[in-house]
Amino acid sequence: MDINTEVLLDLSKGPIEMDAHEDQPSFPISMGSHSPPVSPSNLSGDRPADAENQNPGFSHTEFRKVEKKYKLIQFPRRIARRLPASQRTGGETFTGSDHRRDMVFRGVVDFEDLEGNTEENRAAIRAIPIGEPGVACFGFTRVPGLIFFPGALTPEEQRFWCRAAILDFGDSARHENILSTHAKSPRETTCYQPPMRWATLGFSYQWTSQTYRPDRHSSFPTTLRRRIEALVRRIPANEGGEGLSLATAATPYQPQAAIVNYYPVGTALMAHQDISEQALEQPLVSLSLGCSAIFLMGTKSRDDAPHAFLLRSGDVAVFTGPARLAYHAVPRILDDCPEYLTIPEGELSEEERARYAHHMYFQHPMPDCSFMRVDKAAMTEEEQERYWRLCMRHMRVNINVRQVYPEVCDFLYE
């Protein structure tokens, strides 16, 4: 039996999951959108922890089978000893040569390496002309309405949004997050800190009722609004799929809510739909930052197998038409954050190395088992800059933006 066969056999037994402190979301996590409600006893789940036991058929859907294929977060020791270092958890990359030889990653669509895709996937990739030199845009014929802008965000933009996600969007005085609203013991935060998994901008999603409330919202950054609107304007109106067009002068697109997801290496977002908004005819825009991810998208049914895509830092995905209502997931985060977003290994101090646990920075618990509070106000500008880069070393940040109501809501913007 070769290594790849063993890997697939181990995958068939189910995902390898990590343990966590009870006050810390366990893995896998769901922070991306509108899964079943998150309760204080189940901060991590995109569904109740025992959902598969209550509904055995759930774990055997075609979507779930594909999730399990990609969700392996570490190789069993007997296999890891025989793998090249680049293929072990903690040092993996996704280069066309290495991982395309790995059976686990065969079939992942890569829009930056078109020739490296399988023949079947190459036939489904469709270039979308948008009339802007140097801007690539692709569709995938087997997932109608899903649109990709590979490398749409420059390194400078990526640094800007990573810094904002770590230092600004996690401030509970300005924006709700999982620690300030859903923890067993809610706490105030001044910035992102473990074990935070999401923060919301604009209208806040109500996890228990799976709805939005017009009177419950935080400010929505005007800079983010303008960037998202510019991305949507690039897409031809007929790319919505099945006759469903994008925003027009009669139905203007307005970003009204965003969920900022924090994915340390080893975490995952399981299958879900984003269908609680009233303006479902408007697109959802997703920005990828930091570590790469395997992204799955299928149809409106879990019984249909999804397709797998590689999302790198700087990529933008837009869900329109049928894709706007489809099940999607992020079963795997790759440990490959670009150096321009972090601090190289050789430049870390011993104290900084000691503060890592489960690929998360500054996670040391206090004697009472609570987590150490990070006080942004006590940091110098130089310390803040270093802090966000340290947090990004083994993490993916996803900012996904949507319109909630058909009405214009200009009061949201800073």
Protein backbone atom coordinates (compact mmCIF):
# COMPACT_ATOMS: atom_id res chain seq x y z
CA MET A 1 0.00 0.00 0.00
CA ASP A 2 1.47 3.36 -0.95
CA ILE A 3 1.39 6.52 1.17
CA ASN A 4 -1.41 8.19 -0.76
CA THR A 5 -3.65 5.13 -0.43
CA GLU A 6 -3.04 5.13 3.33
CA VAL A 7 -3.90 8.81 3.51
CA LEU A 8 -7.20 8.25 1.74
CA LEU A 9 -8.03 5.32 4.01
CA ASP A 10 -7.36 7.44 7.07
CA LEU A 11 -9.48 10.20 5.60
CA SER A 12 -12.37 7.79 5.16
CA LYS A 13 -12.46 7.29 8.94
CA GLY A 14 -13.27 10.95 9.39
CA PRO A 15 -11.41 14.16 10.09
CA ILE A 16 -8.68 14.47 12.67
CA GLU A 17 -9.77 17.16 15.08
CA MET A 18 -7.93 19.15 17.71
CA ASP A 19 -8.86 19.45 21.36
CA ALA A 20 -9.45 22.83 22.93
CA HIS A 21 -10.18 24.44 26.27
CA GLU A 22 -13.90 24.50 27.04
CA ASP A 23 -13.97 28.29 26.88
CA GLN A 24 -12.30 28.17 23.49
CA PRO A 25 -14.15 27.20 20.31
CA SER A 26 -13.18 23.64 19.42
CA PHE A 27 -12.46 22.47 15.91
CA PRO A 28 -13.92 22.46 13.33
CA ILE A 29 -15.40 25.95 13.53
CA SER A 30 -18.11 27.81 11.68
CA MET A 31 -17.71 31.51 11.59
CA GLY A 32 -18.55 32.32 8.04
CA SER A 33 -22.21 32.70 7.90
CA HIS A 34 -25.65 31.38 8.50
CA SER A 35 -25.33 27.89 9.78
CA PRO A 36 -27.61 26.60 12.55
CA PRO A 37 -27.51 28.81 15.65
CA VAL A 38 -24.35 29.07 17.70
CA SER A 39 -25.03 28.67 21.41
CA PRO A 40 -22.69 29.40 24.33
CA SER A 41 -22.11 25.67 24.71
CA ASN A 42 -21.34 25.27 21.02
CA LEU A 43 -19.32 28.31 20.03
CA SER A 44 -17.50 26.37 17.39
CA GLY A 45 -20.20 24.58 15.50
CA ASP A 46 -21.73 25.24 12.16
CA ARG A 47 -24.32 22.78 13.46
CA PRO A 48 -24.93 21.14 16.88
CA ALA A 49 -21.97 19.00 17.89
CA ASP A 50 -24.02 15.80 17.76
CA ALA A 51 -25.83 16.58 14.50
CA GLU A 52 -24.36 13.59 12.71
CA ASN A 53 -25.46 11.26 15.52
CA GLN A 54 -28.99 12.69 15.40
CA ASN A 55 -29.08 12.37 11.63
CA PRO A 56 -26.70 9.60 10.51
CA GLY A 57 -27.48 10.33 6.86
CA PHE A 58 -25.92 13.78 7.20
CA SER A 59 -22.39 12.37 7.33
CA HIS A 60 -22.93 10.35 4.17
CA THR A 61 -24.05 13.11 1.83
CA GLU A 62 -21.97 13.69 -1.28
CA PHE A 63 -20.92 17.08 0.06
CA ARG A 64 -19.78 15.61 3.37
CA LYS A 65 -17.70 12.96 1.62
CA VAL A 66 -15.76 15.64 -0.24
CA GLU A 67 -15.34 17.68 2.96
CA LYS A 68 -13.76 14.70 4.67
CA LYS A 69 -11.40 14.18 1.77
CA TYR A 70 -9.90 17.64 2.18
CA LYS A 71 -10.34 18.13 5.93
CA LEU A 72 -7.30 16.14 7.06
CA ILE A 73 -5.32 18.60 9.18
CA GLN A 74 -2.35 16.40 9.98
CA PHE A 75 -0.97 13.17 8.64
CA PRO A 76 -0.93 10.12 10.94
CA ARG A 77 2.55 9.74 12.43
CA ARG A 78 3.35 6.55 10.54
CA ILE A 79 2.69 8.42 7.27
CA ALA A 80 4.17 11.79 8.28
CA ARG A 81 7.57 10.19 8.93
CA ARG A 82 7.75 9.19 5.27
CA LEU A 83 6.50 12.45 3.76
CA PRO A 84 8.67 15.33 2.55
CA ALA A 85 8.74 18.15 5.09
CA SER A 86 6.75 20.42 2.77
CA GLN A 87 3.76 18.05 2.95
CA ARG A 88 3.55 17.88 6.75
CA THR A 89 1.24 20.08 8.79
CA GLY A 90 3.10 23.20 9.88
CA GLY A 91 5.16 23.43 6.73
CA GLU A 92 2.89 22.74 3.81
CA THR A 93 2.75 24.72 0.63
CA PHE A 94 0.62 24.36 -2.47
CA THR A 95 2.89 24.39 -5.46
CA GLY A 96 1.73 22.92 -8.71
CA SER A 97 4.40 20.22 -8.71
CA ASP A 98 4.26 18.95 -5.12
CA HIS A 99 0.59 18.74 -4.32
CA ARG A 100 -0.73 17.79 -7.72
CA ARG A 101 1.12 14.51 -7.21
CA ASP A 102 -0.73 14.09 -3.95
CA MET A 103 -4.00 12.21 -4.51
CA VAL A 104 -5.72 14.19 -1.76
CA PHE A 105 -5.39 17.42 -3.76
CA ARG A 106 -6.08 16.06 -7.21
CA GLY A 107 -8.91 17.94 -8.86
CA VAL A 108 -8.56 21.22 -6.95
CA VAL A 109 -9.17 24.08 -9.41
CA ASP A 110 -6.31 26.60 -9.48
CA PHE A 111 -6.95 29.81 -11.42
CA GLU A 112 -3.31 30.90 -11.15
CA ASP A 113 -1.97 27.72 -12.75
CA LEU A 114 -4.45 27.05 -15.54
CA GLU A 115 -2.31 24.45 -17.31
CA GLY A 116 -1.76 22.56 -14.06
CA ASN A 117 -5.46 21.74 -13.74
CA THR A 118 -6.96 18.42 -14.75
CA GLU A 119 -8.27 18.19 -18.30
CA GLU A 120 -11.84 18.08 -16.99
CA ASN A 121 -11.37 21.25 -14.93
CA ARG A 122 -9.59 23.10 -17.73
CA ALA A 123 -12.63 22.48 -19.92
CA ALA A 124 -14.90 24.06 -17.29
CA ILE A 125 -12.78 27.17 -16.64
CA ARG A 126 -14.13 30.17 -18.54
CA ALA A 127 -12.38 33.52 -18.89
CA ILE A 128 -14.78 36.43 -18.37
CA PRO A 129 -13.88 39.57 -20.35
CA ILE A 130 -14.30 42.67 -18.22
CA GLY A 131 -12.49 45.22 -20.37
CA GLU A 132 -9.70 46.03 -17.89
CA PRO A 133 -6.13 45.22 -18.97
CA GLY A 134 -4.25 43.09 -16.47
CA VAL A 135 -7.35 42.10 -14.46
CA ALA A 136 -8.17 38.38 -14.66
CA CYS A 137 -11.71 37.13 -14.11
CA PHE A 138 -12.94 33.54 -14.41
CA GLY A 139 -16.11 31.52 -14.14
CA PHE A 140 -16.51 27.75 -13.77
CA THR A 141 -19.25 26.29 -15.93
CA ARG A 142 -20.10 23.51 -13.47
CA VAL A 143 -20.86 26.05 -10.72
CA PRO A 144 -23.06 28.70 -12.42
CA GLY A 145 -22.78 32.16 -10.92
CA LEU A 146 -19.45 31.62 -9.13
CA ILE A 147 -16.90 34.24 -10.25
CA PHE A 148 -13.20 34.50 -9.34
CA PHE A 149 -10.76 37.39 -9.47
CA PRO A 150 -7.39 35.73 -8.74
CA GLY A 151 -4.87 38.14 -7.25
CA ALA A 152 -7.35 41.04 -7.32
CA LEU A 153 -5.93 42.56 -4.13
CA THR A 154 -2.38 43.87 -4.34
CA PRO A 155 0.11 43.04 -1.55
CA GLU A 156 -0.34 46.60 -0.28
CA GLU A 157 -4.12 46.16 -0.12
CA GLN A 158 -3.71 42.80 1.60
CA ARG A 159 -1.55 44.38 4.29
CA PHE A 160 -4.16 47.12 4.77
CA TRP A 161 -7.05 44.68 5.21
CA CYS A 162 -5.09 42.24 7.39
CA ARG A 163 -4.08 45.07 9.69
CA ALA A 164 -7.68 46.31 9.85
CA ALA A 165 -9.02 42.80 10.52
CA ILE A 166 -6.62 42.24 13.42
CA LEU A 167 -6.41 45.69 15.02
CA ASP A 168 -9.77 47.32 14.19
CA PHE A 169 -12.53 44.86 13.31
CA GLY A 170 -12.00 42.81 16.49
CA ASP A 171 -12.64 45.83 18.75
CA SER A 172 -15.91 44.97 20.52
CA ALA A 173 -16.55 48.63 21.35
CA ARG A 174 -17.10 49.16 17.62
CA HIS A 175 -18.13 45.76 16.23
CA GLU A 176 -19.72 42.65 17.72
CA ASN A 177 -17.63 39.47 17.83
CA ILE A 178 -18.04 35.95 19.13
CA LEU A 179 -16.25 36.69 22.41
CA SER A 180 -18.35 39.76 23.20
CA THR A 181 -21.74 38.21 22.35
CA HIS A 182 -21.61 34.39 22.38
CA ALA A 183 -18.97 33.29 24.89
CA LYS A 184 -20.04 31.60 28.14
CA SER A 185 -18.52 34.59 29.89
CA PRO A 186 -18.77 37.49 27.42
CA ARG A 187 -15.72 39.73 27.40
CA GLU A 188 -14.74 43.00 25.84
CA THR A 189 -11.92 42.96 23.29
CA THR A 190 -9.78 45.77 21.90
CA CYS A 191 -8.65 43.86 18.79
CA TYR A 192 -8.49 40.33 17.41
CA GLN A 193 -7.20 37.79 19.91
CA PRO A 194 -7.56 34.03 20.25
CA PRO A 195 -9.96 32.32 20.50
CA MET A 196 -11.96 34.88 18.45
CA ARG A 197 -13.35 33.34 15.27
CA TRP A 198 -15.52 36.09 13.81
CA ALA A 199 -16.52 39.72 14.05
CA THR A 200 -19.37 41.51 12.27
CA LEU A 201 -19.52 44.85 10.47
CA GLY A 202 -22.77 46.63 9.64
CA PHE A 203 -25.95 44.67 10.33
CA SER A 204 -25.35 41.94 12.92
CA TYR A 205 -26.61 38.43 12.26
CA GLN A 206 -28.76 36.97 15.06
CA TRP A 207 -27.57 33.39 15.44
CA THR A 208 -30.47 32.11 17.57
CA SER A 209 -33.25 33.33 15.28
CA GLN A 210 -31.17 33.14 12.08
CA THR A 211 -32.30 36.62 11.10
CA TYR A 212 -31.09 40.21 10.96
CA ARG A 213 -32.64 43.07 12.93
CA PRO A 214 -32.76 46.54 11.36
CA ASP A 215 -32.10 48.13 14.76
CA ARG A 216 -29.00 46.08 15.56
CA HIS A 217 -25.91 47.11 13.69
CA SER A 218 -22.45 48.61 13.96
CA SER A 219 -20.76 50.96 11.53
CA PHE A 220 -19.65 49.65 8.15
CA PRO A 221 -16.23 50.98 7.00
CA THR A 222 -16.62 53.31 4.03
CA THR A 223 -13.26 52.15 2.64
CA LEU A 224 -14.51 48.57 2.52
CA ARG A 225 -17.80 49.67 0.98
CA ARG A 226 -16.01 51.44 -1.87
CA ARG A 227 -13.68 48.50 -2.55
CA ILE A 228 -16.53 46.00 -2.69
CA GLU A 229 -18.67 48.21 -4.91
CA ALA A 230 -15.73 48.63 -7.29
CA LEU A 231 -15.32 44.85 -7.53
CA VAL A 232 -19.01 44.31 -8.24
CA ARG A 233 -18.98 46.97 -10.97
CA ARG A 234 -16.33 44.97 -12.82
CA ILE A 235 -18.67 42.04 -13.43
CA PRO A 236 -20.79 42.08 -16.60
CA ALA A 237 -24.49 42.23 -15.76
CA ASN A 238 -25.24 38.95 -17.53
CA GLU A 239 -22.88 36.93 -15.32
CA GLY A 240 -25.47 36.36 -12.60
CA GLY A 241 -26.41 32.96 -14.01
CA GLU A 242 -29.79 31.61 -15.16
CA GLY A 243 -31.01 35.04 -16.17
CA LEU A 244 -30.33 36.58 -12.75
CA SER A 245 -28.40 39.79 -13.35
CA LEU A 246 -26.20 41.72 -10.98
CA ALA A 247 -26.81 45.22 -9.67
CA THR A 248 -28.26 47.73 -12.11
CA ALA A 249 -29.21 51.38 -11.88
CA ALA A 250 -32.70 50.25 -10.87
CA THR A 251 -31.42 47.84 -8.20
CA PRO A 252 -28.14 49.31 -6.89
CA TYR A 253 -25.82 47.07 -4.93
CA GLN A 254 -24.98 48.27 -1.43
CA PRO A 255 -22.69 46.39 1.01
CA GLN A 256 -24.55 46.36 4.33
CA ALA A 257 -23.03 43.54 6.39
CA ALA A 258 -19.74 41.70 6.60
CA ILE A 259 -18.51 38.76 8.61
CA VAL A 260 -14.78 38.77 9.27
CA ASN A 261 -13.64 35.17 9.75
CA TYR A 262 -10.39 34.22 11.49
CA TYR A 263 -9.14 30.75 10.51
CA PRO A 264 -5.97 29.51 12.26
CA VAL A 265 -4.35 26.54 10.52
CA GLY A 266 -6.28 23.41 11.51
CA THR A 267 -9.72 25.03 11.61
CA ALA A 268 -12.54 24.62 9.13
CA LEU A 269 -15.90 25.97 8.04
CA MET A 270 -18.37 23.21 7.23
CA ALA A 271 -21.16 23.13 4.65
CA HIS A 272 -23.71 25.93 4.91
CA GLN A 273 -25.77 28.38 2.87
CA ASP A 274 -25.99 32.18 3.15
CA ILE A 275 -29.73 32.65 2.73
CA SER A 276 -30.94 34.86 5.59
CA GLU A 277 -30.63 38.14 3.70
CA GLN A 278 -33.69 39.67 2.06
CA ALA A 279 -31.65 40.83 -0.95
CA LEU A 280 -30.58 37.40 -2.22
CA GLU A 281 -30.54 38.63 -5.80
CA GLN A 282 -27.48 40.71 -4.89
CA PRO A 283 -24.00 39.13 -4.86
CA LEU A 284 -21.92 38.03 -1.89
CA VAL A 285 -18.26 39.12 -2.17
CA SER A 286 -15.51 37.20 -0.36
CA LEU A 287 -11.93 38.46 0.16
CA SER A 288 -9.16 35.96 0.96
CA LEU A 289 -6.17 37.07 3.04
CA GLY A 290 -3.19 35.26 4.57
CA CYS A 291 -2.97 31.48 4.34
CA SER A 292 -4.45 29.70 1.32
CA ALA A 293 -7.57 27.57 1.63
CA ILE A 294 -9.41 24.77 -0.10
CA PHE A 295 -12.89 26.12 -0.88
CA LEU A 296 -15.83 23.90 -1.83
CA MET A 297 -19.02 24.94 -3.61
CA GLY A 298 -21.86 22.72 -4.75
CA THR A 299 -25.56 23.32 -5.36
CA LYS A 300 -28.62 23.98 -3.19
CA SER A 301 -28.50 20.32 -2.11
CA ARG A 302 -25.94 18.53 0.07
CA ASP A 303 -26.65 15.44 -2.01
CA ASP A 304 -24.64 16.93 -4.87
CA ALA A 305 -20.85 16.69 -4.71
CA PRO A 306 -19.13 20.10 -4.59
CA HIS A 307 -16.16 21.26 -6.64
CA ALA A 308 -12.89 22.25 -4.93
CA PHE A 309 -11.01 25.51 -5.57
CA LEU A 310 -7.73 26.89 -4.27
CA LEU A 311 -8.03 30.39 -2.79
CA ARG A 312 -4.81 32.31 -2.22
CA SER A 313 -4.19 35.57 -0.40
CA GLY A 314 -5.48 38.42 -2.54
CA ASP A 315 -8.10 36.34 -4.37
CA VAL A 316 -11.72 37.50 -4.52
CA ALA A 317 -14.70 35.19 -5.04
CA VAL A 318 -18.17 36.49 -5.90
CA PHE A 319 -21.33 34.42 -5.41
CA THR A 320 -24.12 35.36 -7.82
CA GLY A 321 -27.21 33.65 -9.20
CA PRO A 322 -27.34 29.92 -8.31
CA ALA A 323 -23.99 30.18 -6.49
CA ARG A 324 -25.49 32.76 -4.12
CA LEU A 325 -27.80 30.05 -2.73
CA ALA A 326 -25.42 27.09 -2.95
CA TYR A 327 -23.84 25.10 -0.13
CA HIS A 328 -20.18 25.94 0.35
CA ALA A 329 -17.41 25.15 2.83
CA VAL A 330 -13.74 25.67 3.71
CA PRO A 331 -12.48 22.28 4.95
CA ARG A 332 -8.77 23.02 4.98
CA ILE A 333 -6.37 25.90 5.62
CA LEU A 334 -2.84 25.59 4.20
CA ASP A 335 0.09 26.84 6.26
CA ASP A 336 1.56 29.18 3.65
CA CYS A 337 0.96 32.82 4.66
CA PRO A 338 2.94 35.14 2.33
CA GLU A 339 6.01 36.68 3.95
CA TYR A 340 4.84 40.21 3.13
CA LEU A 341 1.96 39.69 5.61
CA THR A 342 3.91 38.24 8.49
CA ILE A 343 7.28 37.94 10.23
CA PRO A 344 9.78 35.35 8.94
CA GLU A 345 10.67 32.48 11.26
CA GLY A 346 14.25 33.68 11.62
CA GLU A 347 13.13 37.06 12.95
CA LEU A 348 10.99 35.72 15.80
CA SER A 349 12.16 36.10 19.38
CA GLU A 350 12.09 33.08 21.70
CA GLU A 351 9.31 34.75 23.69
CA GLU A 352 7.23 35.16 20.52
CA ARG A 353 7.73 31.51 19.57
CA ALA A 354 6.66 30.46 23.06
CA ARG A 355 3.35 32.27 22.70
CA TYR A 356 2.11 30.00 19.91
CA ALA A 357 -0.28 27.13 20.56
CA HIS A 358 -2.35 25.34 17.91
CA HIS A 359 -1.04 27.79 15.29
CA MET A 360 -2.45 30.77 17.18
CA TYR A 361 -0.44 33.61 18.66
CA PHE A 362 -0.85 34.91 22.24
CA GLN A 363 -3.05 32.07 23.44
CA HIS A 364 -1.61 31.49 26.91
CA PRO A 365 -4.39 30.97 29.48
CA MET A 366 -4.42 32.71 32.85
CA PRO A 367 -4.37 30.73 36.14
CA ASP A 368 -8.19 30.72 36.19
CA CYS A 369 -8.14 29.16 32.68
CA SER A 370 -9.41 32.31 31.00
CA PHE A 371 -7.47 33.74 28.09
CA MET A 372 -5.05 36.62 28.44
CA ARG A 373 -6.64 39.88 27.34
CA VAL A 374 -4.79 41.77 24.62
CA ASP A 375 -4.84 45.52 25.24
CA LYS A 376 -4.23 47.36 21.99
CA ALA A 377 -4.11 50.71 23.77
CA ALA A 378 -1.07 49.57 25.74
CA MET A 379 0.90 48.84 22.56
CA THR A 380 3.10 51.26 20.70
CA GLU A 381 2.51 51.64 16.95
CA GLU A 382 5.53 49.42 16.34
CA GLU A 383 4.16 46.77 18.72
CA GLN A 384 0.75 46.89 17.02
CA GLU A 385 2.38 46.40 13.63
CA ARG A 386 4.33 43.42 14.90
CA TYR A 387 1.27 41.98 16.67
CA TRP A 388 -0.94 41.79 13.57
CA ARG A 389 1.87 40.24 11.57
CA LEU A 390 2.48 37.64 14.28
CA CYS A 391 -1.23 36.77 14.31
CA MET A 392 -1.18 36.25 10.53
CA ARG A 393 1.73 33.76 10.51
CA HIS A 394 -0.54 30.70 10.59
CA MET A 395 -3.95 32.18 9.83
CA ARG A 396 -6.37 32.94 7.04
CA VAL A 397 -8.67 35.95 7.26
CA ASN A 398 -11.83 36.02 5.17
CA ILE A 399 -13.99 39.12 4.81
CA ASN A 400 -17.32 38.26 3.19
CA VAL A 401 -19.74 41.05 2.38
CA ARG A 402 -23.41 41.00 1.48
CA GLN A 403 -26.46 43.24 1.08
CA VAL A 404 -29.12 42.45 3.68
CA TYR A 405 -32.11 44.65 2.76
CA PRO A 406 -33.33 45.93 -0.62
CA GLU A 407 -33.56 49.44 0.84
CA VAL A 408 -30.60 51.82 0.80
CA CYS A 409 -29.08 52.08 4.30
CA ASP A 410 -26.64 54.98 4.18
CA PHE A 411 -26.78 55.40 7.97
CA LEU A 412 -24.42 52.40 8.30
CA TYR A 413 -21.32 54.07 6.96
CA GLU A 414 -18.55 55.64 8.97
